[in-house]
Structure formats: structure tokens, C-alpha cells
Amino acid sequence: MLLFLNLGGGEVFIVVLVIILFFGSDKLPEIAKTLGKGIREINDAKAQIQNEIQKSTSGFTEELNKHTTELQSELNKAGESFKKQIDDAATTLKDEGKKITDTTK
């Protein structure tokens, strides 16, 4: 396949001419049919492999998404708890500061 990437029109014509001379014009349709069948089988195998990969990774992706959601939920809960503790500490400090201010007056 890579050999044909650098061939020009004249070079391809010569290759086809050599094939016709070597195999004969009556065998050319049979060769093309066999080549087409082989390419189709390769494409079918490639599609089957891609489907198998997608099937095997879809469960992994779903499981990963589930754990990510759970982790995000736990982090949100921890963040809310931490914020509440800071708010409570700030309120306590404010109240204690007010008591100190009131006693010094």
C-alpha cells in the first residue's frame, strides 16, 4: 500500500501492464475480485476489533464515572463540613472577643 503513495500515473500504468502480461487479461478480473475480498475481510476484522475494544472499555468507563461522581460528592461533603467548622470557630471567636470587650469596659 505504501509503495503506491510515491508512484505517478505513468508508473502505475507500467505496473498494471506488467501484471496483465504476467497473469493474462483473462485472470485480471479474478485477481481483482480476490484482492477486493481480502480488503473487505480486513476491514470487517478491523471493525470487529474496534467493537470489541468499545465493549470492553465501556464497562470501565461507566465504573470510572461512578467512582468519580462518588468522590466528588464526598469532597463536597468534606468541604461543607470544613466550612461549617470554620464558621463555628469564627462565631466562637467573635463571641469570646465580645465577652472580653464587655468585661474590660
PDB file of N, CA and C in Angstrom:
ATOM      1  N   MET A   1       0.829  -1.193   0.000  1.00  0.00           N
ATOM      2  CA  MET A   1       0.000   0.000   0.000  1.00  0.00           C
ATOM      3  C   MET A   1       0.866   1.248   0.000  1.00  0.00           C
ATOM      4  N   LEU A   2       1.913   1.266   0.803  1.00  0.00           N
ATOM      5  CA  LEU A   2       2.784   2.430   0.875  1.00  0.00           C
ATOM      6  C   LEU A   2       3.587   2.622  -0.405  1.00  0.00           C
ATOM      7  N   LEU A   3       3.772   1.539  -1.164  1.00  0.00           N
ATOM      8  CA  LEU A   3       4.526   1.657  -2.407  1.00  0.00           C
ATOM      9  C   LEU A   3       3.809   2.537  -3.424  1.00  0.00           C
ATOM     10  N   PHE A   4       2.494   2.538  -3.405  1.00  0.00           N
ATOM     11  CA  PHE A   4       1.730   3.298  -4.386  1.00  0.00           C
ATOM     12  C   PHE A   4       1.651   4.779  -4.060  1.00  0.00           C
ATOM     13  N   LEU A   5       2.080   5.186  -2.880  1.00  0.00           N
ATOM     14  CA  LEU A   5       1.991   6.587  -2.499  1.00  0.00           C
ATOM     15  C   LEU A   5       2.928   7.468  -3.313  1.00  0.00           C
ATOM     16  N   ASN A   6       4.059   6.941  -3.744  1.00  0.00           N
ATOM     17  CA  ASN A   6       5.033   7.736  -4.477  1.00  0.00           C
ATOM     18  C   ASN A   6       5.044   7.446  -5.970  1.00  0.00           C
ATOM     19  N   LEU A   7       4.056   6.700  -6.466  1.00  0.00           N
ATOM     20  CA  LEU A   7       4.014   6.360  -7.884  1.00  0.00           C
ATOM     21  C   LEU A   7       3.202   7.387  -8.655  1.00  0.00           C
ATOM     22  N   GLY A   8       3.697   7.736  -9.832  1.00  0.00           N
ATOM     23  CA  GLY A   8       2.949   8.634 -10.703  1.00  0.00           C
ATOM     24  C   GLY A   8       2.036   7.837 -11.618  1.00  0.00           C
ATOM     25  N   GLY A   9       1.296   8.537 -12.466  1.00  0.00           N
ATOM     26  CA  GLY A   9       0.350   7.875 -13.368  1.00  0.00           C
ATOM     27  C   GLY A   9       1.029   6.932 -14.342  1.00  0.00           C
ATOM     28  N   GLY A  10       2.155   7.362 -14.908  1.00  0.00           N
ATOM     29  CA  GLY A  10       2.885   6.516 -15.862  1.00  0.00           C
ATOM     30  C   GLY A  10       3.424   5.269 -15.204  1.00  0.00           C
ATOM     31  N   GLU A  11       3.913   5.408 -13.967  1.00  0.00           N
ATOM     32  CA  GLU A  11       4.467   4.259 -13.256  1.00  0.00           C
ATOM     33  C   GLU A  11       3.369   3.253 -12.913  1.00  0.00           C
ATOM     34  N   VAL A  12       2.206   3.741 -12.517  1.00  0.00           N
ATOM     35  CA  VAL A  12       1.079   2.846 -12.226  1.00  0.00           C
ATOM     36  C   VAL A  12       0.668   2.113 -13.497  1.00  0.00           C
ATOM     37  N   PHE A  13       0.646   2.816 -14.635  1.00  0.00           N
ATOM     38  CA  PHE A  13       0.292   2.199 -15.919  1.00  0.00           C
ATOM     39  C   PHE A  13       1.257   1.063 -16.244  1.00  0.00           C
ATOM     40  N   ILE A  14       2.541   1.275 -16.017  1.00  0.00           N
ATOM     41  CA  ILE A  14       3.540   0.242 -16.305  1.00  0.00           C
ATOM     42  C   ILE A  14       3.335  -0.965 -15.395  1.00  0.00           C
ATOM     43  N   VAL A  15       3.035  -0.720 -14.122  1.00  0.00           N
ATOM     44  CA  VAL A  15       2.799  -1.819 -13.184  1.00  0.00           C
ATOM     45  C   VAL A  15       1.583  -2.638 -13.621  1.00  0.00           C
ATOM     46  N   VAL A  16       0.500  -1.962 -13.992  1.00  0.00           N
ATOM     47  CA  VAL A  16      -0.707  -2.657 -14.462  1.00  0.00           C
ATOM     48  C   VAL A  16      -0.406  -3.443 -15.733  1.00  0.00           C
ATOM     49  N   LEU A  17       0.371  -2.864 -16.641  1.00  0.00           N
ATOM     50  CA  LEU A  17       0.738  -3.533 -17.893  1.00  0.00           C
ATOM     51  C   LEU A  17       1.546  -4.797 -17.609  1.00  0.00           C
ATOM     52  N   VAL A  18       2.485  -4.725 -16.662  1.00  0.00           N
ATOM     53  CA  VAL A  18       3.290  -5.899 -16.296  1.00  0.00           C
ATOM     54  C   VAL A  18       2.398  -6.982 -15.692  1.00  0.00           C
ATOM     55  N   ILE A  19       1.437  -6.564 -14.869  1.00  0.00           N
ATOM     56  CA  ILE A  19       0.519  -7.546 -14.263  1.00  0.00           C
ATOM     57  C   ILE A  19      -0.297  -8.244 -15.345  1.00  0.00           C
ATOM     58  N   ILE A  20      -0.784  -7.462 -16.298  1.00  0.00           N
ATOM     59  CA  ILE A  20      -1.582  -8.048 -17.390  1.00  0.00           C
ATOM     60  C   ILE A  20      -0.719  -9.015 -18.201  1.00  0.00           C
ATOM     61  N   LEU A  21       0.515  -8.632 -18.492  1.00  0.00           N
ATOM     62  CA  LEU A  21       1.402  -9.514 -19.259  1.00  0.00           C
ATOM     63  C   LEU A  21       1.749 -10.778 -18.473  1.00  0.00           C
ATOM     64  N   PHE A  22       1.942 -10.637 -17.174  1.00  0.00           N
ATOM     65  CA  PHE A  22       2.348 -11.771 -16.357  1.00  0.00           C
ATOM     66  C   PHE A  22       1.205 -12.759 -16.136  1.00  0.00           C
ATOM     67  N   PHE A  23       0.010 -12.232 -15.797  1.00  0.00           N
ATOM     68  CA  PHE A  23      -1.124 -13.106 -15.481  1.00  0.00           C
ATOM     69  C   PHE A  23      -2.063 -13.312 -16.654  1.00  0.00           C
ATOM     70  N   GLY A  24      -2.084 -12.418 -17.599  1.00  0.00           N
ATOM     71  CA  GLY A  24      -3.014 -12.506 -18.712  1.00  0.00           C
ATOM     72  C   GLY A  24      -4.289 -11.745 -18.388  1.00  0.00           C
ATOM     73  N   SER A  25      -4.924 -11.202 -19.410  1.00  0.00           N
ATOM     74  CA  SER A  25      -6.112 -10.363 -19.207  1.00  0.00           C
ATOM     75  C   SER A  25      -7.310 -11.157 -18.695  1.00  0.00           C
ATOM     76  N   ASP A  26      -7.346 -12.466 -18.968  1.00  0.00           N
ATOM     77  CA  ASP A  26      -8.477 -13.266 -18.504  1.00  0.00           C
ATOM     78  C   ASP A  26      -8.414 -13.515 -16.991  1.00  0.00           C
ATOM     79  N   LYS A  27      -7.236 -13.482 -16.385  1.00  0.00           N
ATOM     80  CA  LYS A  27      -7.090 -13.691 -14.942  1.00  0.00           C
ATOM     81  C   LYS A  27      -7.245 -12.387 -14.144  1.00  0.00           C
ATOM     82  N   LEU A  28      -7.179 -11.249 -14.797  1.00  0.00           N
ATOM     83  CA  LEU A  28      -7.216  -9.960 -14.106  1.00  0.00           C
ATOM     84  C   LEU A  28      -8.492  -9.751 -13.292  1.00  0.00           C
ATOM     85  N   PRO A  29      -9.699 -10.045 -13.826  1.00  0.00           N
ATOM     86  CA  PRO A  29     -10.905  -9.883 -13.001  1.00  0.00           C
ATOM     87  C   PRO A  29     -10.902 -10.784 -11.761  1.00  0.00           C
ATOM     88  N   GLU A  30     -10.382 -11.981 -11.915  1.00  0.00           N
ATOM     89  CA  GLU A  30     -10.318 -12.902 -10.780  1.00  0.00           C
ATOM     90  C   GLU A  30      -9.353 -12.368  -9.707  1.00  0.00           C
ATOM     91  N   ILE A  31      -8.237 -11.816 -10.128  1.00  0.00           N
ATOM     92  CA  ILE A  31      -7.270 -11.238  -9.187  1.00  0.00           C
ATOM     93  C   ILE A  31      -7.889 -10.043  -8.465  1.00  0.00           C
ATOM     94  N   ALA A  32      -8.582  -9.183  -9.212  1.00  0.00           N
ATOM     95  CA  ALA A  32      -9.220  -8.011  -8.610  1.00  0.00           C
ATOM     96  C   ALA A  32     -10.298  -8.432  -7.620  1.00  0.00           C
ATOM     97  N   LYS A  33     -11.062  -9.464  -7.972  1.00  0.00           N
ATOM     98  CA  LYS A  33     -12.110  -9.965  -7.086  1.00  0.00           C
ATOM     99  C   LYS A  33     -11.501 -10.507  -5.790  1.00  0.00           C
ATOM    100  N   THR A  34     -10.445 -11.282  -5.912  1.00  0.00           N
ATOM    101  CA  THR A  34      -9.774 -11.843  -4.745  1.00  0.00           C
ATOM    102  C   THR A  34      -9.180 -10.734  -3.886  1.00  0.00           C
ATOM    103  N   LEU A  35      -8.569  -9.745  -4.521  1.00  0.00           N
ATOM    104  CA  LEU A  35      -7.997  -8.621  -3.790  1.00  0.00           C
ATOM    105  C   LEU A  35      -9.086  -7.843  -3.056  1.00  0.00           C
ATOM    106  N   GLY A  36     -10.214  -7.589  -3.716  1.00  0.00           N
ATOM    107  CA  GLY A  36     -11.337  -6.891  -3.080  1.00  0.00           C
ATOM    108  C   GLY A  36     -11.889  -7.669  -1.908  1.00  0.00           C
ATOM    109  N   LYS A  37     -11.991  -8.980  -2.068  1.00  0.00           N
ATOM    110  CA  LYS A  37     -12.485  -9.834  -0.991  1.00  0.00           C
ATOM    111  C   LYS A  37     -11.541  -9.775   0.206  1.00  0.00           C
ATOM    112  N   GLY A  38     -10.246  -9.797  -0.054  1.00  0.00           N
ATOM    113  CA  GLY A  38      -9.262  -9.728   1.028  1.00  0.00           C
ATOM    114  C   GLY A  38      -9.337  -8.397   1.769  1.00  0.00           C
ATOM    115  N   ILE A  39      -9.476  -7.301   1.022  1.00  0.00           N
ATOM    116  CA  ILE A  39      -9.593  -5.987   1.649  1.00  0.00           C
ATOM    117  C   ILE A  39     -10.860  -5.907   2.487  1.00  0.00           C
ATOM    118  N   ARG A  40     -11.965  -6.460   1.993  1.00  0.00           N
ATOM    119  CA  ARG A  40     -13.231  -6.463   2.731  1.00  0.00           C
ATOM    120  C   ARG A  40     -13.086  -7.256   4.032  1.00  0.00           C
ATOM    121  N   GLU A  41     -12.420  -8.389   3.973  1.00  0.00           N
ATOM    122  CA  GLU A  41     -12.217  -9.197   5.174  1.00  0.00           C
ATOM    123  C   GLU A  41     -11.358  -8.455   6.196  1.00  0.00           C
ATOM    124  N   ILE A  42     -10.351  -7.757   5.728  1.00  0.00           N
ATOM    125  CA  ILE A  42      -9.509  -6.966   6.628  1.00  0.00           C
ATOM    126  C   ILE A  42     -10.329  -5.862   7.291  1.00  0.00           C
ATOM    127  N   ASN A  43     -11.153  -5.173   6.502  1.00  0.00           N
ATOM    128  CA  ASN A  43     -11.997  -4.100   7.067  1.00  0.00           C
ATOM    129  C   ASN A  43     -13.013  -4.650   8.059  1.00  0.00           C
ATOM    130  N   ASP A  44     -13.581  -5.823   7.757  1.00  0.00           N
ATOM    131  CA  ASP A  44     -14.523  -6.448   8.692  1.00  0.00           C
ATOM    132  C   ASP A  44     -13.829  -6.822  10.001  1.00  0.00           C
ATOM    133  N   ALA A  45     -12.625  -7.372   9.897  1.00  0.00           N
ATOM    134  CA  ALA A  45     -11.872  -7.740  11.099  1.00  0.00           C
ATOM    135  C   ALA A  45     -11.534  -6.490  11.913  1.00  0.00           C
ATOM    136  N   LYS A  46     -11.167  -5.418  11.221  1.00  0.00           N
ATOM    137  CA  LYS A  46     -10.837  -4.165  11.908  1.00  0.00           C
ATOM    138  C   LYS A  46     -12.061  -3.628  12.649  1.00  0.00           C
ATOM    139  N   ALA A  47     -13.222  -3.654  11.998  1.00  0.00           N
ATOM    140  CA  ALA A  47     -14.453  -3.180  12.637  1.00  0.00           C
ATOM    141  C   ALA A  47     -14.813  -4.052  13.834  1.00  0.00           C
ATOM    142  N   GLN A  48     -14.622  -5.353  13.708  1.00  0.00           N
ATOM    143  CA  GLN A  48     -14.919  -6.273  14.813  1.00  0.00           C
ATOM    144  C   GLN A  48     -14.005  -6.007  16.007  1.00  0.00           C
ATOM    145  N   ILE A  49     -12.736  -5.765  15.744  1.00  0.00           N
ATOM    146  CA  ILE A  49     -11.788  -5.461  16.825  1.00  0.00           C
ATOM    147  C   ILE A  49     -12.167  -4.154  17.504  1.00  0.00           C
ATOM    148  N   GLN A  50     -12.542  -3.140  16.708  1.00  0.00           N
ATOM    149  CA  GLN A  50     -12.953  -1.859  17.285  1.00  0.00           C
ATOM    150  C   GLN A  50     -14.186  -2.032  18.169  1.00  0.00           C
ATOM    151  N   ASN A  51     -15.145  -2.832  17.727  1.00  0.00           N
ATOM    152  CA  ASN A  51     -16.353  -3.086  18.525  1.00  0.00           C
ATOM    153  C   ASN A  51     -16.004  -3.788  19.836  1.00  0.00           C
ATOM    154  N   GLU A  52     -15.103  -4.758  19.777  1.00  0.00           N
ATOM    155  CA  GLU A  52     -14.702  -5.473  20.989  1.00  0.00           C
ATOM    156  C   GLU A  52     -14.008  -4.528  21.972  1.00  0.00           C
ATOM    157  N   ILE A  53     -13.175  -3.651  21.465  1.00  0.00           N
ATOM    158  CA  ILE A  53     -12.500  -2.690  22.335  1.00  0.00           C
ATOM    159  C   ILE A  53     -13.513  -1.760  22.982  1.00  0.00           C
ATOM    160  N   GLN A  54     -14.476  -1.273  22.199  1.00  0.00           N
ATOM    161  CA  GLN A  54     -15.506  -0.389  22.748  1.00  0.00           C
ATOM    162  C   GLN A  54     -16.338  -1.106  23.805  1.00  0.00           C
ATOM    163  N   LYS A  55     -16.693  -2.361  23.558  1.00  0.00           N
ATOM    164  CA  LYS A  55     -17.474  -3.118  24.529  1.00  0.00           C
ATOM    165  C   LYS A  55     -16.691  -3.314  25.825  1.00  0.00           C
ATOM    166  N   SER A  56     -15.419  -3.658  25.694  1.00  0.00           N
ATOM    167  CA  SER A  56     -14.630  -3.945  26.893  1.00  0.00           C
ATOM    168  C   SER A  56     -14.310  -2.682  27.681  1.00  0.00           C
ATOM    169  N   THR A  57     -14.198  -1.542  27.024  1.00  0.00           N
ATOM    170  CA  THR A  57     -13.877  -0.307  27.741  1.00  0.00           C
ATOM    171  C   THR A  57     -15.115   0.430  28.227  1.00  0.00           C
ATOM    172  N   SER A  58     -16.294   0.102  27.711  1.00  0.00           N
ATOM    173  CA  SER A  58     -17.496   0.825  28.141  1.00  0.00           C
ATOM    174  C   SER A  58     -17.793   0.548  29.614  1.00  0.00           C
ATOM    175  N   GLY A  59     -17.618  -0.680  30.071  1.00  0.00           N
ATOM    176  CA  GLY A  59     -17.825  -1.007  31.480  1.00  0.00           C
ATOM    177  C   GLY A  59     -16.828  -0.282  32.357  1.00  0.00           C
ATOM    178  N   PHE A  60     -15.601  -0.204  31.900  1.00  0.00           N
ATOM    179  CA  PHE A  60     -14.560   0.503  32.647  1.00  0.00           C
ATOM    180  C   PHE A  60     -14.903   1.984  32.744  1.00  0.00           C
ATOM    181  N   THR A  61     -15.359   2.556  31.642  1.00  0.00           N
ATOM    182  CA  THR A  61     -15.710   3.985  31.618  1.00  0.00           C
ATOM    183  C   THR A  61     -16.871   4.265  32.563  1.00  0.00           C
ATOM    184  N   GLU A  62     -17.879   3.415  32.541  1.00  0.00           N
ATOM    185  CA  GLU A  62     -19.030   3.599  33.433  1.00  0.00           C
ATOM    186  C   GLU A  62     -18.594   3.505  34.900  1.00  0.00           C
ATOM    187  N   GLU A  63     -17.748   2.527  35.205  1.00  0.00           N
ATOM    188  CA  GLU A  63     -17.265   2.348  36.581  1.00  0.00           C
ATOM    189  C   GLU A  63     -16.430   3.557  37.015  1.00  0.00           C
ATOM    190  N   LEU A  64     -15.603   4.058  36.120  1.00  0.00           N
ATOM    191  CA  LEU A  64     -14.780   5.228  36.418  1.00  0.00           C
ATOM    192  C   LEU A  64     -15.655   6.451  36.667  1.00  0.00           C
ATOM    193  N   ASN A  65     -16.679   6.646  35.845  1.00  0.00           N
ATOM    194  CA  ASN A  65     -17.602   7.767  36.047  1.00  0.00           C
ATOM    195  C   ASN A  65     -18.333   7.657  37.381  1.00  0.00           C
ATOM    196  N   LYS A  66     -18.721   6.439  37.746  1.00  0.00           N
ATOM    197  CA  LYS A  66     -19.415   6.213  39.020  1.00  0.00           C
ATOM    198  C   LYS A  66     -18.515   6.608  40.189  1.00  0.00           C
ATOM    199  N   HIS A  67     -17.266   6.143  40.160  1.00  0.00           N
ATOM    200  CA  HIS A  67     -16.340   6.451  41.248  1.00  0.00           C
ATOM    201  C   HIS A  67     -15.999   7.943  41.276  1.00  0.00           C
ATOM    202  N   THR A  68     -15.897   8.551  40.129  1.00  0.00           N
ATOM    203  CA  THR A  68     -15.618   9.989  40.073  1.00  0.00           C
ATOM    204  C   THR A  68     -16.752  10.778  40.702  1.00  0.00           C
ATOM    205  N   THR A  69     -17.990  10.394  40.409  1.00  0.00           N
ATOM    206  CA  THR A  69     -19.152  11.067  40.989  1.00  0.00           C
ATOM    207  C   THR A  69     -19.181  10.889  42.506  1.00  0.00           C
ATOM    208  N   GLU A  70     -18.915   9.663  42.963  1.00  0.00           N
ATOM    209  CA  GLU A  70     -18.888   9.398  44.410  1.00  0.00           C
ATOM    210  C   GLU A  70     -17.800  10.222  45.097  1.00  0.00           C
ATOM    211  N   LEU A  71     -16.619  10.266  44.486  1.00  0.00           N
ATOM    212  CA  LEU A  71     -15.510  11.029  45.056  1.00  0.00           C
ATOM    213  C   LEU A  71     -15.833  12.517  45.109  1.00  0.00           C
ATOM    214  N   GLN A  72     -16.439  13.021  44.053  1.00  0.00           N
ATOM    215  CA  GLN A  72     -16.818  14.441  44.031  1.00  0.00           C
ATOM    216  C   GLN A  72     -17.841  14.745  45.113  1.00  0.00           C
ATOM    217  N   SER A  73     -18.796  13.842  45.335  1.00  0.00           N
ATOM    218  CA  SER A  73     -19.795  14.017  46.377  1.00  0.00           C
ATOM    219  C   SER A  73     -19.139  14.031  47.761  1.00  0.00           C
ATOM    220  N   GLU A  74     -18.215  13.111  47.991  1.00  0.00           N
ATOM    221  CA  GLU A  74     -17.513  13.058  49.278  1.00  0.00           C
ATOM    222  C   GLU A  74     -16.684  14.319  49.503  1.00  0.00           C
ATOM    223  N   LEU A  75     -16.030  14.808  48.462  1.00  0.00           N
ATOM    224  CA  LEU A  75     -15.253  16.042  48.585  1.00  0.00           C
ATOM    225  C   LEU A  75     -16.148  17.236  48.895  1.00  0.00           C
ATOM    226  N   ASN A  76     -17.324  17.288  48.266  1.00  0.00           N
ATOM    227  CA  ASN A  76     -18.267  18.372  48.551  1.00  0.00           C
ATOM    228  C   ASN A  76     -18.732  18.329  50.007  1.00  0.00           C
ATOM    229  N   LYS A  77     -19.036  17.111  50.502  1.00  0.00           N
ATOM    230  CA  LYS A  77     -19.450  16.961  51.901  1.00  0.00           C
ATOM    231  C   LYS A  77     -18.340  17.402  52.846  1.00  0.00           C
ATOM    232  N   ALA A  78     -17.114  16.986  52.547  1.00  0.00           N
ATOM    233  CA  ALA A  78     -15.979  17.358  53.399  1.00  0.00           C
ATOM    234  C   ALA A  78     -15.772  18.866  53.362  1.00  0.00           C
ATOM    235  N   GLY A  79     -15.917  19.470  52.194  1.00  0.00           N
ATOM    236  CA  GLY A  79     -15.763  20.918  52.075  1.00  0.00           C
ATOM    237  C   GLY A  79     -16.828  21.666  52.862  1.00  0.00           C
ATOM    238  N   GLU A  80     -18.068  21.175  52.815  1.00  0.00           N
ATOM    239  CA  GLU A  80     -19.154  21.810  53.567  1.00  0.00           C
ATOM    240  C   GLU A  80     -18.909  21.674  55.073  1.00  0.00           C
ATOM    241  N   SER A  81     -18.449  20.496  55.498  1.00  0.00           N
ATOM    242  CA  SER A  81     -18.160  20.270  56.910  1.00  0.00           C
ATOM    243  C   SER A  81     -17.028  21.184  57.381  1.00  0.00           C
ATOM    244  N   PHE A  82     -15.995  21.304  56.567  1.00  0.00           N
ATOM    245  CA  PHE A  82     -14.868  22.167  56.901  1.00  0.00           C
ATOM    246  C   PHE A  82     -15.313  23.628  56.989  1.00  0.00           C
ATOM    247  N   LYS A  83     -16.157  24.055  56.055  1.00  0.00           N
ATOM    248  CA  LYS A  83     -16.669  25.435  56.068  1.00  0.00           C
ATOM    249  C   LYS A  83     -17.499  25.675  57.328  1.00  0.00           C
ATOM    250  N   LYS A  84     -18.318  24.702  57.720  1.00  0.00           N
ATOM    251  CA  LYS A  84     -19.137  24.836  58.929  1.00  0.00           C
ATOM    252  C   LYS A  84     -18.243  24.966  60.161  1.00  0.00           C
ATOM    253  N   GLN A  85     -17.181  24.165  60.233  1.00  0.00           N
ATOM    254  CA  GLN A  85     -16.265  24.238  61.364  1.00  0.00           C
ATOM    255  C   GLN A  85     -15.585  25.609  61.434  1.00  0.00           C
ATOM    256  N   ILE A  86     -15.186  26.122  60.286  1.00  0.00           N
ATOM    257  CA  ILE A  86     -14.557  27.447  60.263  1.00  0.00           C
ATOM    258  C   ILE A  86     -15.555  28.526  60.679  1.00  0.00           C
ATOM    259  N   ASP A  87     -16.795  28.422  60.170  1.00  0.00           N
ATOM    260  CA  ASP A  87     -17.830  29.393  60.551  1.00  0.00           C
ATOM    261  C   ASP A  87     -18.112  29.331  62.055  1.00  0.00           C
ATOM    262  N   ASP A  88     -18.188  28.105  62.601  1.00  0.00           N
ATOM    263  CA  ASP A  88     -18.424  27.945  64.047  1.00  0.00           C
ATOM    264  C   ASP A  88     -17.268  28.534  64.853  1.00  0.00           C
ATOM    265  N   ALA A  89     -16.033  28.293  64.398  1.00  0.00           N
ATOM    266  CA  ALA A  89     -14.867  28.832  65.100  1.00  0.00           C
ATOM    267  C   ALA A  89     -14.864  30.362  65.031  1.00  0.00           C
ATOM    268  N   ALA A  90     -15.232  30.902  63.871  1.00  0.00           N
ATOM    269  CA  ALA A  90     -15.279  32.359  63.734  1.00  0.00           C
ATOM    270  C   ALA A  90     -16.337  32.950  64.652  1.00  0.00           C
ATOM    271  N   THR A  91     -17.497  32.299  64.750  1.00  0.00           N
ATOM    272  CA  THR A  91     -18.569  32.767  65.634  1.00  0.00           C
ATOM    273  C   THR A  91     -18.111  32.702  67.091  1.00  0.00           C
ATOM    274  N   THR A  92     -17.458  31.600  67.475  1.00  0.00           N
ATOM    275  CA  THR A  92     -16.963  31.451  68.842  1.00  0.00           C
ATOM    276  C   THR A  92     -15.944  32.542  69.163  1.00  0.00           C
ATOM    277  N   LEU A  93     -15.009  32.784  68.249  1.00  0.00           N
ATOM    278  CA  LEU A  93     -14.010  33.835  68.470  1.00  0.00           C
ATOM    279  C   LEU A  93     -14.662  35.210  68.591  1.00  0.00           C
ATOM    280  N   LYS A  94     -15.657  35.445  67.773  1.00  0.00           N
ATOM    281  CA  LYS A  94     -16.373  36.732  67.807  1.00  0.00           C
ATOM    282  C   LYS A  94     -17.075  36.899  69.163  1.00  0.00           C
ATOM    283  N   ASP A  95     -17.755  35.817  69.608  1.00  0.00           N
ATOM    284  CA  ASP A  95     -18.455  35.857  70.892  1.00  0.00           C
ATOM    285  C   ASP A  95     -17.473  36.052  72.042  1.00  0.00           C
ATOM    286  N   GLU A  96     -16.359  35.329  72.014  1.00  0.00           N
ATOM    287  CA  GLU A  96     -15.368  35.461  73.079  1.00  0.00           C
ATOM    288  C   GLU A  96     -14.738  36.851  73.057  1.00  0.00           C
ATOM    289  N   GLY A  97     -14.507  37.383  71.875  1.00  0.00           N
ATOM    290  CA  GLY A  97     -13.978  38.744  71.771  1.00  0.00           C
ATOM    291  C   GLY A  97     -14.944  39.764  72.328  1.00  0.00           C
ATOM    292  N   LYS A  98     -16.219  39.562  72.072  1.00  0.00           N
ATOM    293  CA  LYS A  98     -17.241  40.477  72.614  1.00  0.00           C
ATOM    294  C   LYS A  98     -17.300  40.403  74.127  1.00  0.00           C
ATOM    295  N   LYS A  99     -17.172  39.150  74.686  1.00  0.00           N
ATOM    296  CA  LYS A  99     -17.177  38.987  76.145  1.00  0.00           C
ATOM    297  C   LYS A  99     -15.977  39.714  76.770  1.00  0.00           C
ATOM    298  N   ILE A 100     -14.826  39.568  76.115  1.00  0.00           N
ATOM    299  CA  ILE A 100     -13.620  40.228  76.634  1.00  0.00           C
ATOM    300  C   ILE A 100     -13.798  41.739  76.586  1.00  0.00           C
ATOM    301  N   THR A 101     -14.333  42.241  75.494  1.00  0.00           N
ATOM    302  CA  THR A 101     -14.556  43.675  75.347  1.00  0.00           C
ATOM    303  C   THR A 101     -15.546  44.179  76.406  1.00  0.00           C
ATOM    304  N   ASP A 102     -16.595  43.409  76.662  1.00  0.00           N
ATOM    305  CA  ASP A 102     -17.609  43.803  77.641  1.00  0.00           C
ATOM    306  C   ASP A 102     -17.037  43.809  79.064  1.00  0.00           C
ATOM    307  N   THR A 103     -16.171  42.861  79.381  1.00  0.00           N
ATOM    308  CA  THR A 103     -15.610  42.807  80.733  1.00  0.00           C
ATOM    309  C   THR A 103     -14.563  43.888  80.984  1.00  0.00           C
ATOM    310  N   THR A 104     -13.930  44.333  79.907  1.00  0.00           N
ATOM    311  CA  THR A 104     -12.901  45.380  80.089  1.00  0.00           C
ATOM    312  C   THR A 104     -13.508  46.789  80.142  1.00  0.00           C
ATOM    313  N   LYS A 105     -14.764  46.942  79.838  1.00  0.00           N
ATOM    314  CA  LYS A 105     -15.394  48.262  79.857  1.00  0.00           C
ATOM    315  C   LYS A 105     -15.750  48.663  81.213  1.00  0.00           C
TER     316      LYS A 105
END
